[in-house]
């Protein structure tokens, strides 16, 4: 039994209408009776229409305007009328709270890692430097400032390469994915040209295979004690081998668990965390690929026998309640149903997946990102968004001009200069 009288706010700055992590928080907290407020960039955002949403607010500020964000959150706090728990679901929100959140503590409860740590962890180049300093195994990485540097790195490590945006939380051209596998010099040249001033980081491609991609999710309290903590395997991703988890499975891995909790304690990290690793057969090590200082979109993959996931654990700890301790539900599977069929198609064309194997894996899923029998509207709206995107994609390709690409934060922006709107 929990005290659920304190409201919670799902805080995100990335204008991604189909962000399923926020919906996971709404359902996780809402099902135990917590009043959850949803902040969204579009009135038809699927997560905003969950039956577990207590209040809906239309807002899409410039993620680089700290004053505007602070003012908007103060407005929201006044409308809620009491102190609430604030849970960031993207890098930009986590970085804002760490660097500019102190004046908001009279209205919100949220984790307080060292001020400069989330930006350092979320930045791909700064994370690489931190890994080298702490002796954490990681892939070879280089921030590219000129084309000659890109060619030199490619010659040194060979193709394929992994190309990432150095600061993925900042607004950029939608044609550039945060992570892309580059198979040739021609592909690298095209990506380098498209990335422009976004900042491109190249990373060696670690040989992979089934069971090689791992992640760690946990919640660290004010003393950097990580509880609960989970490890799992990324079985499929979209795009294939270089994107978000479309199908994951909870698997125990004591050695990875110990190394992750030791790293978080060394960093004095507090809050929810999502780490991505790949096993490198060449030197028998787990290489850290990404460090997300916030909730991972697939966090509902992980739950323990006490009913805890990282969002509920954060809520209980931030409201001064005891976090029950349980055993991870090993074997639990989570699917993102709008992306997994697309991912499976790509794996099938590569000869890495059979139709029968895909069907079997889908039947064994315990929870899905969108579909839930007790909360059907978000699933229906997600399907509508996916159909609209599929229909509009050919027209966007015909009319898009590379010099006219709008920054991502402009999409769905409220007309009143980023102020909160209610619907």
Protein backbone atom coordinates (compact mmCIF):
# COMPACT_ATOMS: atom_id res chain seq x y z
CA UNK A 1 0.00 0.00 0.00
CA UNK A 2 1.39 3.40 -1.02
CA UNK A 3 0.55 6.99 -0.28
CA UNK A 4 -0.48 8.19 -3.74
CA UNK A 5 -1.72 11.65 -2.82
CA UNK A 6 1.26 13.47 -4.40
CA UNK A 7 0.69 14.13 -8.13
CA UNK A 8 3.27 13.28 -10.80
CA UNK A 9 4.15 15.15 -13.99
CA UNK A 10 5.59 13.46 -17.10
CA UNK A 11 8.13 16.03 -18.31
CA UNK A 12 9.49 15.83 -21.87
CA UNK A 13 10.92 18.40 -24.26
CA UNK A 14 11.43 16.19 -27.33
CA UNK A 15 8.40 16.81 -29.61
CA UNK A 16 7.94 13.13 -30.42
CA UNK A 17 4.21 12.44 -30.47
CA UNK A 18 4.82 8.68 -30.43
CA UNK A 19 7.02 8.57 -27.34
CA UNK A 20 5.89 5.39 -25.60
CA UNK A 21 8.04 5.90 -22.51
CA UNK A 22 5.80 8.69 -21.27
CA UNK A 23 2.75 6.47 -21.69
CA UNK A 24 4.52 3.80 -19.65
CA UNK A 25 4.96 6.26 -16.77
CA UNK A 26 1.31 7.35 -16.98
CA UNK A 27 0.09 3.75 -16.78
CA UNK A 28 2.60 2.60 -14.16
CA UNK A 29 1.75 5.39 -11.73
CA UNK A 30 -1.88 5.81 -12.71
CA UNK A 31 -2.74 2.17 -12.08
CA UNK A 32 -1.73 2.46 -8.42
CA UNK A 33 -3.78 5.64 -7.99
CA UNK A 34 -1.26 8.46 -8.52
CA UNK A 35 -2.77 11.58 -10.19
CA UNK A 36 -0.61 11.90 -13.33
CA UNK A 37 -0.40 15.06 -15.43
CA UNK A 38 0.64 14.77 -19.08
CA UNK A 39 2.52 17.57 -20.86
CA UNK A 40 2.32 17.12 -24.64
CA UNK A 41 3.02 18.98 -27.88
CA UNK A 42 -0.14 17.93 -29.73
CA UNK A 43 -3.77 17.61 -28.68
CA UNK A 44 -3.92 14.20 -30.39
CA UNK A 45 -0.78 12.78 -28.76
CA UNK A 46 -1.75 9.15 -27.94
CA UNK A 47 -0.33 9.14 -24.39
CA UNK A 48 -2.32 12.26 -23.50
CA UNK A 49 -5.55 10.34 -23.96
CA UNK A 50 -4.78 7.48 -21.60
CA UNK A 51 -7.55 6.79 -19.10
CA UNK A 52 -4.93 7.18 -16.36
CA UNK A 53 -4.18 10.83 -17.19
CA UNK A 54 -5.49 13.16 -14.48
CA UNK A 55 -4.77 16.42 -16.32
CA UNK A 56 -3.61 17.28 -19.85
CA UNK A 57 -1.53 20.30 -20.83
CA UNK A 58 -0.58 21.45 -24.33
CA UNK A 59 2.97 22.82 -24.38
CA UNK A 60 5.99 22.63 -26.69
CA UNK A 61 8.74 25.08 -25.68
CA UNK A 62 12.10 25.66 -27.30
CA UNK A 63 14.30 23.08 -25.52
CA UNK A 64 17.20 25.56 -25.56
CA UNK A 65 15.26 28.35 -23.82
CA UNK A 66 15.74 27.63 -20.12
CA UNK A 67 13.82 30.71 -18.99
CA UNK A 68 10.78 29.76 -21.07
CA UNK A 69 10.81 26.20 -19.74
CA UNK A 70 11.16 27.35 -16.14
CA UNK A 71 8.29 29.79 -16.54
CA UNK A 72 6.08 27.12 -18.11
CA UNK A 73 6.75 24.64 -15.30
CA UNK A 74 5.95 27.33 -12.74
CA UNK A 75 2.64 27.92 -14.50
CA UNK A 76 1.92 24.20 -14.42
CA UNK A 77 2.76 24.01 -10.70
CA UNK A 78 0.34 26.83 -9.97
CA UNK A 79 -2.43 25.07 -11.87
CA UNK A 80 -1.81 21.78 -10.06
CA UNK A 81 -1.87 23.65 -6.78
CA UNK A 82 0.40 21.36 -4.74
CA UNK A 83 3.88 19.87 -4.84
CA UNK A 84 4.31 17.21 -7.53
CA UNK A 85 6.93 14.66 -8.59
CA UNK A 86 8.62 15.58 -11.88
CA UNK A 87 9.86 12.68 -14.03
CA UNK A 88 11.98 13.59 -17.12
CA UNK A 89 11.65 11.21 -20.06
CA UNK A 90 14.25 12.61 -22.47
CA UNK A 91 17.82 13.94 -22.33
CA UNK A 92 16.87 17.60 -22.78
CA UNK A 93 14.48 17.48 -19.80
CA UNK A 94 17.03 15.71 -17.58
CA UNK A 95 19.76 18.20 -18.51
CA UNK A 96 17.46 21.16 -17.86
CA UNK A 97 16.53 19.95 -14.37
CA UNK A 98 20.16 19.32 -13.43
CA UNK A 99 21.39 22.70 -14.66
CA UNK A 100 18.40 25.01 -14.16
CA UNK A 101 15.99 23.19 -11.87
CA UNK A 102 16.95 24.51 -8.43
CA UNK A 103 14.37 27.37 -8.40
CA UNK A 104 11.62 24.81 -9.09
CA UNK A 105 12.20 22.73 -5.96
CA UNK A 106 9.57 24.61 -4.00
CA UNK A 107 6.97 23.17 -6.42
CA UNK A 108 8.45 19.85 -7.59
CA UNK A 109 10.28 16.81 -6.27
CA UNK A 110 12.94 15.47 -8.66
CA UNK A 111 16.32 13.78 -8.47
CA UNK A 112 19.44 15.92 -8.12
CA UNK A 113 22.57 14.47 -9.76
CA UNK A 114 25.69 16.69 -9.96
CA UNK A 115 24.78 19.75 -12.07
CA UNK A 116 27.05 19.06 -15.03
CA UNK A 117 26.77 15.27 -15.03
CA UNK A 118 23.65 14.62 -17.20
CA UNK A 119 24.98 16.77 -20.07
CA UNK A 120 28.34 15.02 -19.85
CA UNK A 121 26.73 11.57 -19.88
CA UNK A 122 24.22 12.28 -22.65
CA UNK A 123 26.85 13.83 -24.95
CA UNK A 124 28.43 11.09 -27.06
CA UNK A 125 31.91 12.66 -27.19
CA UNK A 126 31.98 13.70 -23.53
CA UNK A 127 30.79 10.22 -22.51
CA UNK A 128 33.70 8.69 -24.41
CA UNK A 129 36.17 10.95 -22.60
CA UNK A 130 34.59 10.08 -19.26
CA UNK A 131 34.87 6.35 -20.02
CA UNK A 132 38.54 6.72 -20.86
CA UNK A 133 39.17 8.60 -17.63
CA UNK A 134 37.35 6.05 -15.47
CA UNK A 135 38.64 2.99 -17.30
CA UNK A 136 35.18 1.93 -18.53
CA UNK A 137 35.37 -0.24 -21.70
CA UNK A 138 33.88 1.56 -24.71
CA UNK A 139 34.09 1.63 -28.49
CA UNK A 140 36.66 3.77 -30.35
CA UNK A 141 35.08 7.17 -30.97
CA UNK A 142 35.96 10.46 -32.64
CA UNK A 143 34.12 13.75 -32.95
CA UNK A 144 34.39 14.84 -36.57
CA UNK A 145 35.20 18.48 -37.26
CA UNK A 146 36.24 18.13 -40.90
CA UNK A 147 35.82 15.68 -43.76
CA UNK A 148 39.49 14.69 -43.63
CA UNK A 149 39.04 13.63 -40.01
CA UNK A 150 36.07 11.45 -40.98
CA UNK A 151 38.08 9.75 -43.72
CA UNK A 152 41.06 9.21 -41.43
CA UNK A 153 38.91 7.58 -38.75
CA UNK A 154 37.15 5.37 -41.31
CA UNK A 155 40.50 4.24 -42.73
CA UNK A 156 41.73 3.41 -39.26
CA UNK A 157 38.77 1.35 -37.97
CA UNK A 158 37.17 0.25 -41.26
CA UNK A 159 33.55 -0.06 -42.39
CA UNK A 160 30.86 -0.38 -41.27
CA UNK A 161 30.90 2.59 -38.91
CA UNK A 162 28.36 3.91 -36.45
CA UNK A 163 27.56 7.61 -36.88
CA UNK A 164 25.85 9.48 -34.04
CA UNK A 165 24.79 13.02 -33.31
CA UNK A 166 27.16 14.34 -30.66
CA UNK A 167 24.32 16.17 -28.86
CA UNK A 168 21.15 14.23 -29.76
CA UNK A 169 18.92 16.28 -27.46
CA UNK A 170 19.39 19.48 -29.49
CA UNK A 171 17.05 20.44 -32.38
CA UNK A 172 18.32 19.22 -35.72
CA UNK A 173 17.26 18.24 -39.23
CA UNK A 174 14.79 15.35 -39.11
CA UNK A 175 16.60 13.62 -41.96
CA UNK A 176 19.52 12.85 -39.63
CA UNK A 177 18.92 9.96 -37.22
CA UNK A 178 20.57 10.03 -33.82
CA UNK A 179 22.31 6.73 -34.72
CA UNK A 180 23.10 5.41 -38.22
CA UNK A 181 25.18 2.49 -39.49
CA UNK A 182 27.39 3.64 -42.37
CA UNK A 183 28.56 0.96 -44.78
CA UNK A 184 30.70 2.86 -47.30
CA UNK A 185 32.54 6.11 -47.99
CA UNK A 186 29.64 7.27 -50.17
CA UNK A 187 27.14 6.80 -47.34
CA UNK A 188 29.49 8.58 -44.96
CA UNK A 189 29.84 11.54 -47.35
CA UNK A 190 26.06 11.86 -47.72
CA UNK A 191 25.50 11.69 -43.97
CA UNK A 192 28.32 14.17 -43.29
CA UNK A 193 26.73 16.65 -45.70
CA UNK A 194 23.26 16.26 -44.20
CA UNK A 195 24.47 16.59 -40.60
CA UNK A 196 25.75 20.14 -41.22
CA UNK A 197 26.34 21.93 -37.95
CA UNK A 198 24.60 19.25 -35.86
CA UNK A 199 27.92 17.70 -34.83
CA UNK A 200 28.76 14.21 -36.08
CA UNK A 201 30.50 11.58 -34.02
CA UNK A 202 31.93 8.39 -35.54
CA UNK A 203 32.27 5.17 -33.60
CA UNK A 204 33.69 1.79 -34.48
CA UNK A 205 31.07 -0.83 -35.21
CA UNK A 206 31.39 -3.65 -32.71
CA UNK A 207 30.64 -7.09 -34.15
CA UNK A 208 27.23 -8.17 -32.93
CA UNK A 209 24.84 -11.10 -32.95
CA UNK A 210 21.96 -12.61 -30.98
CA UNK A 211 22.43 -11.91 -27.27
CA UNK A 212 25.20 -9.33 -27.77
CA UNK A 213 23.14 -6.16 -27.10
CA UNK A 214 22.40 -5.53 -23.43
CA UNK A 215 20.93 -2.76 -21.35
CA UNK A 216 20.76 -1.81 -17.71
CA UNK A 217 17.92 0.10 -16.05
CA UNK A 218 17.87 1.29 -12.48
CA UNK A 219 16.92 3.98 -10.00
CA UNK A 220 19.57 5.52 -7.74
CA UNK A 221 18.55 7.26 -4.52
CA UNK A 222 20.23 10.32 -2.97
CA UNK A 223 23.09 8.10 -1.72
CA UNK A 224 23.66 6.67 -5.24
CA UNK A 225 22.35 3.28 -4.09
CA UNK A 226 20.74 1.64 -7.11
CA UNK A 227 17.50 -0.12 -6.22
CA UNK A 228 15.78 -1.57 -8.17
CA UNK A 229 18.28 -2.55 -10.87
CA UNK A 230 17.70 -4.71 -13.94
CA UNK A 231 19.59 -6.15 -16.90
CA UNK A 232 18.13 -7.29 -20.20
CA UNK A 233 18.82 -8.23 -23.80
CA UNK A 234 17.78 -6.18 -26.82
CA UNK A 235 16.47 -8.86 -29.18
CA UNK A 236 15.44 -6.49 -31.99
CA UNK A 237 15.80 -2.77 -32.62
CA UNK A 238 14.51 -0.23 -35.11
CA UNK A 239 16.41 0.65 -37.23
CA UNK A 240 18.01 -2.80 -37.15
CA UNK A 241 21.08 -2.99 -34.85
CA UNK A 242 21.19 0.80 -34.42
CA UNK A 243 17.95 2.10 -32.95
CA UNK A 244 15.39 1.91 -30.18
CA UNK A 245 14.40 -1.41 -28.64
CA UNK A 246 11.46 -2.94 -30.49
CA UNK A 247 11.63 -6.26 -28.60
CA UNK A 248 13.46 -6.81 -25.32
CA UNK A 249 13.77 -9.54 -22.71
CA UNK A 250 14.68 -9.39 -19.02
CA UNK A 251 17.77 -11.54 -18.39
CA UNK A 252 19.92 -11.81 -15.25
CA UNK A 253 23.54 -10.79 -15.70
CA UNK A 254 25.28 -10.45 -12.34
CA UNK A 255 28.65 -9.28 -13.70
CA UNK A 256 27.08 -6.50 -15.76
CA UNK A 257 24.83 -5.54 -12.85
CA UNK A 258 27.78 -5.20 -10.47
CA UNK A 259 29.86 -3.14 -12.88
CA UNK A 260 26.94 -0.78 -13.59
CA UNK A 261 26.07 -0.18 -9.94
CA UNK A 262 29.76 0.40 -9.13
CA UNK A 263 30.01 2.95 -11.96
CA UNK A 264 26.89 4.80 -10.79
CA UNK A 265 28.21 4.92 -7.23
CA UNK A 266 31.54 6.28 -8.46
CA UNK A 267 29.70 9.01 -10.40
CA UNK A 268 27.47 9.84 -7.38
CA UNK A 269 24.57 9.47 -9.79
CA UNK A 270 20.99 9.94 -8.59
CA UNK A 271 17.79 9.33 -10.49
CA UNK A 272 16.60 6.94 -13.20
CA UNK A 273 19.21 5.64 -15.62
CA UNK A 274 19.28 3.65 -18.88
CA UNK A 275 22.61 2.22 -20.15
CA UNK A 276 23.27 0.42 -23.46
CA UNK A 277 26.08 -2.12 -23.90
CA UNK A 278 27.39 -4.47 -26.56
CA UNK A 279 29.40 -7.59 -25.81
CA UNK A 280 32.71 -7.54 -27.69
CA UNK A 281 33.81 -11.09 -28.40
CA UNK A 282 37.28 -9.90 -29.39
CA UNK A 283 38.34 -8.89 -25.88
CA UNK A 284 35.51 -10.47 -23.85
CA UNK A 285 34.16 -7.16 -22.50
CA UNK A 286 30.87 -5.30 -22.34
CA UNK A 287 31.40 -1.96 -24.13
CA UNK A 288 29.31 1.02 -23.00
CA UNK A 289 27.60 2.58 -26.02
CA UNK A 290 25.07 5.02 -24.52
CA UNK A 291 24.39 6.49 -21.10
CA UNK A 292 20.88 7.96 -20.86
CA UNK A 293 20.51 10.02 -17.66
CA UNK A 294 16.76 9.56 -17.60
CA UNK A 295 14.00 7.03 -18.08
CA UNK A 296 14.43 4.61 -21.00
CA UNK A 297 11.41 4.29 -23.29
CA UNK A 298 11.38 0.48 -22.80
CA UNK A 299 11.50 0.66 -18.99
CA UNK A 300 8.27 -1.33 -18.61
CA UNK A 301 10.22 -4.38 -19.75
CA UNK A 302 11.56 -4.50 -16.20
CA UNK A 303 9.46 -5.20 -13.14
CA UNK A 304 10.18 -7.13 -9.97
CA UNK A 305 8.16 -9.43 -7.74
CA UNK A 306 7.27 -6.46 -5.50
CA UNK A 307 5.61 -4.74 -8.48
CA UNK A 308 8.38 -2.16 -8.79
CA UNK A 309 9.62 -0.57 -12.00
CA UNK A 310 12.03 2.38 -12.08
CA UNK A 311 9.26 5.00 -12.44
CA UNK A 312 7.31 3.76 -9.42
CA UNK A 313 10.53 3.39 -7.40
CA UNK A 314 11.45 7.00 -8.20
CA UNK A 315 8.00 8.19 -7.16
CA UNK A 316 8.12 6.37 -3.83
CA UNK A 317 11.66 7.51 -3.00
CA UNK A 318 11.04 11.15 -3.96
CA UNK A 319 7.91 11.24 -1.78
CA UNK A 320 9.81 9.83 1.21
CA UNK A 321 8.39 6.31 1.08
CA UNK A 322 10.16 2.98 1.32
CA UNK A 323 10.91 1.22 -1.95
CA UNK A 324 9.99 -2.49 -1.62
CA UNK A 325 12.66 -4.96 -2.72
CA UNK A 326 11.78 -7.86 -5.00
CA UNK A 327 13.32 -10.22 -7.53
CA UNK A 328 13.38 -9.30 -11.25
CA UNK A 329 10.78 -11.06 -13.42
CA UNK A 330 13.34 -12.90 -15.53
CA UNK A 331 12.06 -13.80 -18.99
CA UNK A 332 9.61 -10.91 -19.16
CA UNK A 333 9.32 -9.51 -22.72
CA UNK A 334 8.35 -6.07 -23.99
CA UNK A 335 7.40 -5.12 -27.56
CA UNK A 336 6.98 -1.78 -29.30
CA UNK A 337 4.31 -2.90 -31.73
CA UNK A 338 4.44 0.03 -34.15
CA UNK A 339 8.16 -0.49 -34.83
CA UNK A 340 8.81 -4.18 -34.28
CA UNK A 341 7.18 -5.38 -37.55
CA UNK A 342 9.34 -2.86 -39.45
CA UNK A 343 12.42 -4.06 -37.58
CA UNK A 344 11.53 -7.70 -38.19
CA UNK A 345 11.18 -7.02 -41.92
CA UNK A 346 14.69 -5.61 -42.01
CA UNK A 347 16.10 -8.56 -40.05
CA UNK A 348 14.26 -10.92 -42.43
CA UNK A 349 15.71 -9.28 -45.57
CA UNK A 350 19.18 -9.74 -44.03
CA UNK A 351 18.52 -13.41 -43.42
CA UNK A 352 18.66 -12.94 -39.63
CA UNK A 353 15.03 -13.78 -38.82
CA UNK A 354 12.37 -16.21 -40.03
CA UNK A 355 8.66 -15.45 -40.07
CA UNK A 356 7.92 -18.36 -37.74
CA UNK A 357 10.51 -17.14 -35.23
CA UNK A 358 9.04 -13.64 -35.28
CA UNK A 359 5.51 -14.97 -34.65
CA UNK A 360 6.75 -17.07 -31.73
CA UNK A 361 8.57 -14.10 -30.19
CA UNK A 362 5.46 -11.90 -30.46
CA UNK A 363 3.23 -14.52 -28.82
CA UNK A 364 5.51 -14.62 -25.77
CA UNK A 365 5.31 -10.85 -25.12
CA UNK A 366 4.16 -9.90 -21.60
CA UNK A 367 3.60 -6.18 -22.18
CA UNK A 368 3.35 -3.91 -25.21
CA UNK A 369 4.20 -0.25 -25.51
CA UNK A 370 0.78 0.85 -26.74
CA UNK A 371 -1.82 -1.89 -26.52
CA UNK A 372 -3.37 -2.51 -23.11
CA UNK A 373 -6.80 -4.03 -22.51
CA UNK A 374 -7.56 -1.52 -19.78
CA UNK A 375 -6.41 1.50 -21.84
CA UNK A 376 -7.24 1.19 -25.57
CA UNK A 377 -7.43 4.80 -26.80
CA UNK A 378 -3.64 5.41 -26.96
CA UNK A 379 -3.25 2.31 -29.16
CA UNK A 380 -5.97 3.51 -31.55
CA UNK A 381 -4.42 6.98 -31.82
CA UNK A 382 -0.96 5.48 -32.37
CA UNK A 383 -2.31 3.46 -35.29
CA UNK A 384 -3.90 6.60 -36.76
CA UNK A 385 -0.59 8.50 -36.48
CA UNK A 386 1.34 5.67 -38.14
CA UNK A 387 -1.14 5.52 -41.05
CA UNK A 388 -0.96 9.30 -41.52
CA UNK A 389 2.83 9.23 -41.52
CA UNK A 390 2.93 6.41 -44.05
CA UNK A 391 0.54 8.26 -46.37
CA UNK A 392 2.38 11.58 -46.01
CA UNK A 393 5.94 10.24 -46.37
CA UNK A 394 6.06 10.20 -50.22
CA UNK A 395 4.80 13.78 -50.37
CA UNK A 396 7.33 14.98 -47.81
CA UNK A 397 10.13 13.43 -49.83
CA UNK A 398 8.99 15.23 -52.98
CA UNK A 399 8.63 18.66 -51.39
CA UNK A 400 11.47 18.65 -48.85
CA UNK A 401 14.41 20.96 -49.55
CA UNK A 402 17.55 20.49 -47.43
CA UNK A 403 17.97 24.22 -46.87
CA UNK A 404 14.40 24.66 -45.62
CA UNK A 405 14.33 21.97 -42.94
CA UNK A 406 12.72 23.32 -39.78
CA UNK A 407 14.15 22.65 -36.33
CA UNK A 408 12.41 19.83 -34.55
CA UNK A 409 11.03 21.94 -31.75
CA UNK A 410 8.96 24.02 -34.17
CA UNK A 411 6.59 21.12 -34.79
CA UNK A 412 3.38 21.32 -32.75
CA UNK A 413 4.52 24.46 -30.92
CA UNK A 414 1.87 26.28 -28.93
CA UNK A 415 0.85 29.58 -30.51
CA UNK A 416 1.33 31.54 -27.30
CA UNK A 417 5.12 31.50 -27.34
CA UNK A 418 5.45 28.18 -25.55
CA UNK A 419 2.91 28.85 -22.81
CA UNK A 420 0.85 26.08 -21.36
CA UNK A 421 -2.52 25.41 -22.91
CA UNK A 422 -5.21 23.10 -21.53
CA UNK A 423 -7.54 20.92 -23.55
